[in-house]
């Protein structure tokens, strides 16, 4: 099943938000503004739902459309492979 966004934030995100804000690069802030568009997220959401006949209703929850979009932008901006993207996002709180 596909979601548009994560429903609830983790407790750690609240405490770490202030310390991570200073680590953002200028392009990240601009990308964040652009990617905050609900219409864009809905387009990605609908595309993910149509990947397979039952993607919208069956199976375990997949990566939300908002997260998938942001990760793809990061992948292309850094010119990373999917393996590198996964490793970096797991290890770095800024991403």
N, C-alpha and C. Protein backbone atom coordinates (compact mmCIF):
# COMPACT_ATOMS: atom_id res chain seq x y z
N UNK A 1 0.84 -1.18 0.00
CA UNK A 1 0.00 0.00 0.00
C UNK A 1 0.89 1.24 0.00
N UNK A 2 0.41 2.26 -0.62
CA UNK A 2 1.16 3.50 -0.77
C UNK A 2 0.45 4.61 0.00
N UNK A 3 1.23 5.45 0.65
CA UNK A 3 0.70 6.61 1.36
C UNK A 3 1.25 7.87 0.72
N UNK A 4 0.58 8.99 0.95
CA UNK A 4 1.09 10.27 0.46
C UNK A 4 2.25 10.76 1.33
N UNK A 5 2.04 10.72 2.64
CA UNK A 5 3.03 11.22 3.60
C UNK A 5 3.02 10.33 4.83
N UNK A 6 4.05 10.45 5.64
CA UNK A 6 4.03 9.78 6.93
C UNK A 6 3.02 10.49 7.82
N UNK A 7 2.25 9.73 8.56
CA UNK A 7 1.19 10.32 9.38
C UNK A 7 1.69 10.98 10.65
N UNK A 8 2.58 10.34 11.34
CA UNK A 8 3.00 10.83 12.64
C UNK A 8 4.52 10.91 12.69
N UNK A 9 5.03 11.97 13.30
CA UNK A 9 6.48 12.12 13.43
C UNK A 9 6.98 11.29 14.60
N UNK A 10 8.24 10.91 14.51
CA UNK A 10 8.87 10.19 15.61
C UNK A 10 9.30 11.19 16.68
N UNK A 11 9.37 10.75 17.90
CA UNK A 11 9.74 11.62 19.02
C UNK A 11 11.11 12.23 18.81
N UNK A 12 12.05 11.47 18.27
CA UNK A 12 13.40 11.96 18.06
C UNK A 12 13.47 13.11 17.07
N UNK A 13 12.57 13.15 16.10
CA UNK A 13 12.56 14.22 15.10
C UNK A 13 12.33 15.58 15.75
N UNK A 14 11.53 15.62 16.77
CA UNK A 14 11.21 16.88 17.44
C UNK A 14 12.45 17.45 18.13
N UNK A 15 13.20 16.59 18.81
CA UNK A 15 14.36 17.04 19.55
C UNK A 15 15.55 17.37 18.65
N UNK A 16 15.65 16.70 17.51
CA UNK A 16 16.80 16.89 16.63
C UNK A 16 16.60 17.96 15.56
N UNK A 17 15.38 18.42 15.36
CA UNK A 17 15.09 19.36 14.29
C UNK A 17 15.93 20.63 14.37
N UNK A 18 16.04 21.23 15.54
CA UNK A 18 16.80 22.47 15.68
C UNK A 18 18.28 22.29 15.41
N UNK A 19 18.85 21.18 15.83
CA UNK A 19 20.28 20.96 15.63
C UNK A 19 20.61 20.63 14.19
N UNK A 20 19.66 20.13 13.43
CA UNK A 20 19.89 19.75 12.04
C UNK A 20 19.66 20.93 11.10
N UNK A 21 18.82 21.88 11.46
CA UNK A 21 18.49 23.00 10.58
C UNK A 21 19.71 23.78 10.12
N UNK A 22 20.73 23.89 10.94
CA UNK A 22 21.94 24.63 10.57
C UNK A 22 22.78 23.90 9.54
N UNK A 23 22.54 22.62 9.35
CA UNK A 23 23.36 21.79 8.44
C UNK A 23 22.84 21.78 7.01
N UNK A 24 21.67 22.36 6.77
CA UNK A 24 21.10 22.35 5.42
C UNK A 24 21.91 23.24 4.49
N UNK A 25 22.08 22.80 3.27
CA UNK A 25 22.72 23.60 2.23
C UNK A 25 21.65 24.49 1.59
N UNK A 26 22.05 25.60 0.95
CA UNK A 26 21.05 26.51 0.37
C UNK A 26 20.12 25.84 -0.65
N UNK A 27 20.64 24.94 -1.48
CA UNK A 27 19.78 24.29 -2.47
C UNK A 27 18.73 23.41 -1.79
N UNK A 28 19.03 22.90 -0.60
CA UNK A 28 18.08 22.04 0.10
C UNK A 28 16.85 22.83 0.55
N UNK A 29 17.07 24.06 0.97
CA UNK A 29 15.94 24.90 1.40
C UNK A 29 15.03 25.22 0.21
N UNK A 30 15.63 25.54 -0.93
CA UNK A 30 14.84 25.84 -2.13
C UNK A 30 14.09 24.60 -2.60
N UNK A 31 14.76 23.45 -2.59
CA UNK A 31 14.11 22.19 -2.99
C UNK A 31 12.98 21.85 -2.04
N UNK A 32 13.16 22.12 -0.75
CA UNK A 32 12.12 21.85 0.24
C UNK A 32 10.87 22.66 -0.06
N UNK A 33 11.04 23.93 -0.45
CA UNK A 33 9.90 24.77 -0.81
C UNK A 33 9.16 24.21 -2.02
N UNK A 34 9.93 23.80 -3.03
CA UNK A 34 9.32 23.27 -4.26
C UNK A 34 8.61 21.95 -4.00
N UNK A 35 9.25 21.08 -3.23
CA UNK A 35 8.70 19.75 -2.98
C UNK A 35 7.57 19.74 -1.96
N UNK A 36 7.27 20.87 -1.38
CA UNK A 36 6.17 20.97 -0.43
C UNK A 36 4.82 21.16 -1.14
N UNK A 37 4.82 21.03 -2.46
CA UNK A 37 3.63 21.21 -3.28
C UNK A 37 2.74 19.97 -3.22
N UNK A 38 1.54 20.13 -2.74
CA UNK A 38 0.60 19.01 -2.57
C UNK A 38 0.22 18.39 -3.91
N UNK A 39 0.13 19.19 -4.95
CA UNK A 39 -0.23 18.68 -6.28
C UNK A 39 0.87 17.75 -6.82
N UNK A 40 2.11 18.11 -6.61
CA UNK A 40 3.24 17.27 -7.03
C UNK A 40 3.21 15.94 -6.29
N UNK A 41 2.99 15.98 -5.00
CA UNK A 41 2.94 14.75 -4.20
C UNK A 41 1.79 13.87 -4.66
N UNK A 42 0.65 14.46 -5.01
CA UNK A 42 -0.49 13.68 -5.49
C UNK A 42 -0.19 12.99 -6.81
N UNK A 43 0.57 13.65 -7.69
CA UNK A 43 0.95 13.03 -8.98
C UNK A 43 1.83 11.81 -8.74
N UNK A 44 2.81 11.95 -7.86
CA UNK A 44 3.70 10.83 -7.54
C UNK A 44 2.90 9.72 -6.85
N UNK A 45 2.02 10.08 -5.95
CA UNK A 45 1.19 9.12 -5.24
C UNK A 45 0.36 8.28 -6.22
N UNK A 46 -0.28 8.94 -7.16
CA UNK A 46 -1.10 8.22 -8.14
C UNK A 46 -0.24 7.33 -9.03
N UNK A 47 0.94 7.78 -9.40
CA UNK A 47 1.84 6.95 -10.22
C UNK A 47 2.27 5.70 -9.45
N UNK A 48 2.57 5.85 -8.17
CA UNK A 48 2.97 4.71 -7.36
C UNK A 48 1.81 3.73 -7.17
N UNK A 49 0.60 4.24 -7.07
CA UNK A 49 -0.57 3.37 -6.91
C UNK A 49 -0.84 2.54 -8.16
N UNK A 50 -0.44 3.03 -9.33
CA UNK A 50 -0.70 2.34 -10.59
C UNK A 50 0.43 1.41 -11.04
N UNK A 51 1.48 1.25 -10.22
CA UNK A 51 2.60 0.40 -10.62
C UNK A 51 2.17 -1.04 -10.86
N UNK A 52 1.37 -1.57 -10.00
CA UNK A 52 0.86 -2.95 -10.10
C UNK A 52 -0.65 -2.90 -9.87
N UNK A 53 -1.38 -3.93 -10.32
CA UNK A 53 -2.85 -3.89 -10.22
C UNK A 53 -3.38 -3.65 -8.81
N UNK A 54 -2.73 -4.20 -7.78
CA UNK A 54 -3.25 -4.07 -6.42
C UNK A 54 -2.35 -3.25 -5.51
N UNK A 55 -1.51 -2.41 -6.06
CA UNK A 55 -0.58 -1.61 -5.24
C UNK A 55 -1.30 -0.72 -4.24
N UNK A 56 -2.46 -0.27 -4.59
CA UNK A 56 -3.19 0.68 -3.74
C UNK A 56 -3.85 0.02 -2.55
N UNK A 57 -4.11 -1.29 -2.62
CA UNK A 57 -4.92 -1.91 -1.59
C UNK A 57 -4.28 -3.10 -0.87
N UNK A 58 -3.24 -3.67 -1.44
CA UNK A 58 -2.67 -4.88 -0.85
C UNK A 58 -1.20 -4.72 -0.54
N UNK A 59 -0.73 -5.61 0.32
CA UNK A 59 0.69 -5.63 0.64
C UNK A 59 1.03 -4.73 1.80
N UNK A 60 2.31 -4.78 2.17
CA UNK A 60 2.75 -3.94 3.27
C UNK A 60 2.91 -2.50 2.79
N UNK A 61 3.00 -1.61 3.73
CA UNK A 61 3.11 -0.20 3.37
C UNK A 61 4.46 0.08 2.73
N UNK A 62 4.43 0.83 1.66
CA UNK A 62 5.65 1.21 0.97
C UNK A 62 6.12 2.58 1.43
N UNK A 63 7.15 3.06 0.80
CA UNK A 63 7.67 4.39 1.10
C UNK A 63 6.65 5.43 0.63
N UNK A 64 6.27 6.37 1.49
CA UNK A 64 5.30 7.39 1.08
C UNK A 64 5.79 8.20 -0.12
N UNK A 65 4.85 8.71 -0.88
CA UNK A 65 5.16 9.45 -2.10
C UNK A 65 6.07 10.66 -1.82
N UNK A 66 5.83 11.36 -0.72
CA UNK A 66 6.65 12.53 -0.40
C UNK A 66 8.11 12.13 -0.16
N UNK A 67 8.32 11.05 0.56
CA UNK A 67 9.68 10.60 0.88
C UNK A 67 10.37 10.10 -0.38
N UNK A 68 9.66 9.35 -1.21
CA UNK A 68 10.25 8.84 -2.46
C UNK A 68 10.68 10.00 -3.36
N UNK A 69 9.86 11.02 -3.45
CA UNK A 69 10.18 12.18 -4.29
C UNK A 69 11.42 12.91 -3.77
N UNK A 70 11.47 13.14 -2.48
CA UNK A 70 12.61 13.85 -1.89
C UNK A 70 13.90 13.04 -2.02
N UNK A 71 13.80 11.73 -1.89
CA UNK A 71 14.99 10.90 -2.02
C UNK A 71 15.50 10.89 -3.46
N UNK A 72 14.59 10.89 -4.43
CA UNK A 72 15.02 10.92 -5.82
C UNK A 72 15.70 12.24 -6.18
N UNK A 73 15.20 13.33 -5.63
CA UNK A 73 15.85 14.63 -5.86
C UNK A 73 17.26 14.62 -5.26
N UNK A 74 17.39 14.12 -4.06
CA UNK A 74 18.70 14.03 -3.41
C UNK A 74 19.65 13.14 -4.22
N UNK A 75 19.14 12.01 -4.70
CA UNK A 75 19.95 11.10 -5.50
C UNK A 75 20.51 11.80 -6.74
N UNK A 76 19.67 12.54 -7.42
CA UNK A 76 20.11 13.21 -8.64
C UNK A 76 21.00 14.42 -8.36
N UNK A 77 20.73 15.14 -7.30
CA UNK A 77 21.57 16.30 -6.96
C UNK A 77 22.98 15.86 -6.57
N UNK A 78 23.10 14.74 -5.90
CA UNK A 78 24.40 14.24 -5.45
C UNK A 78 25.04 13.28 -6.46
N UNK A 79 24.28 12.90 -7.50
CA UNK A 79 24.75 11.95 -8.50
C UNK A 79 25.16 10.62 -7.85
N UNK A 80 24.29 10.13 -6.96
CA UNK A 80 24.54 8.90 -6.23
C UNK A 80 23.82 7.74 -6.89
N UNK A 81 24.28 6.53 -6.62
CA UNK A 81 23.54 5.32 -6.98
C UNK A 81 22.47 5.11 -5.91
N UNK A 82 21.57 4.16 -6.16
CA UNK A 82 20.55 3.87 -5.15
C UNK A 82 21.17 3.28 -3.89
N UNK A 83 22.23 2.50 -4.04
CA UNK A 83 22.91 1.92 -2.88
C UNK A 83 23.53 3.02 -2.03
N UNK A 84 24.21 3.96 -2.67
CA UNK A 84 24.82 5.07 -1.95
C UNK A 84 23.76 5.94 -1.29
N UNK A 85 22.68 6.19 -2.01
CA UNK A 85 21.58 6.99 -1.45
C UNK A 85 21.04 6.36 -0.16
N UNK A 86 20.79 5.07 -0.20
CA UNK A 86 20.26 4.40 0.98
C UNK A 86 21.24 4.49 2.16
N UNK A 87 22.50 4.24 1.89
CA UNK A 87 23.52 4.29 2.95
C UNK A 87 23.61 5.69 3.56
N UNK A 88 23.65 6.71 2.72
CA UNK A 88 23.79 8.08 3.19
C UNK A 88 22.56 8.56 3.97
N UNK A 89 21.38 8.21 3.50
CA UNK A 89 20.16 8.66 4.18
C UNK A 89 20.02 7.97 5.53
N UNK A 90 20.41 6.73 5.62
CA UNK A 90 20.35 6.02 6.91
C UNK A 90 21.32 6.62 7.92
N UNK A 91 22.48 7.07 7.44
CA UNK A 91 23.54 7.52 8.34
C UNK A 91 23.50 9.01 8.66
N UNK A 92 22.77 9.82 7.90
CA UNK A 92 22.86 11.26 8.04
C UNK A 92 21.49 11.85 8.39
N UNK A 93 21.38 12.46 9.56
CA UNK A 93 20.12 13.04 10.03
C UNK A 93 19.67 14.24 9.20
N UNK A 94 20.58 14.89 8.51
CA UNK A 94 20.20 16.06 7.69
C UNK A 94 19.28 15.63 6.57
N UNK A 95 19.57 14.49 5.96
CA UNK A 95 18.75 14.01 4.85
C UNK A 95 17.43 13.47 5.35
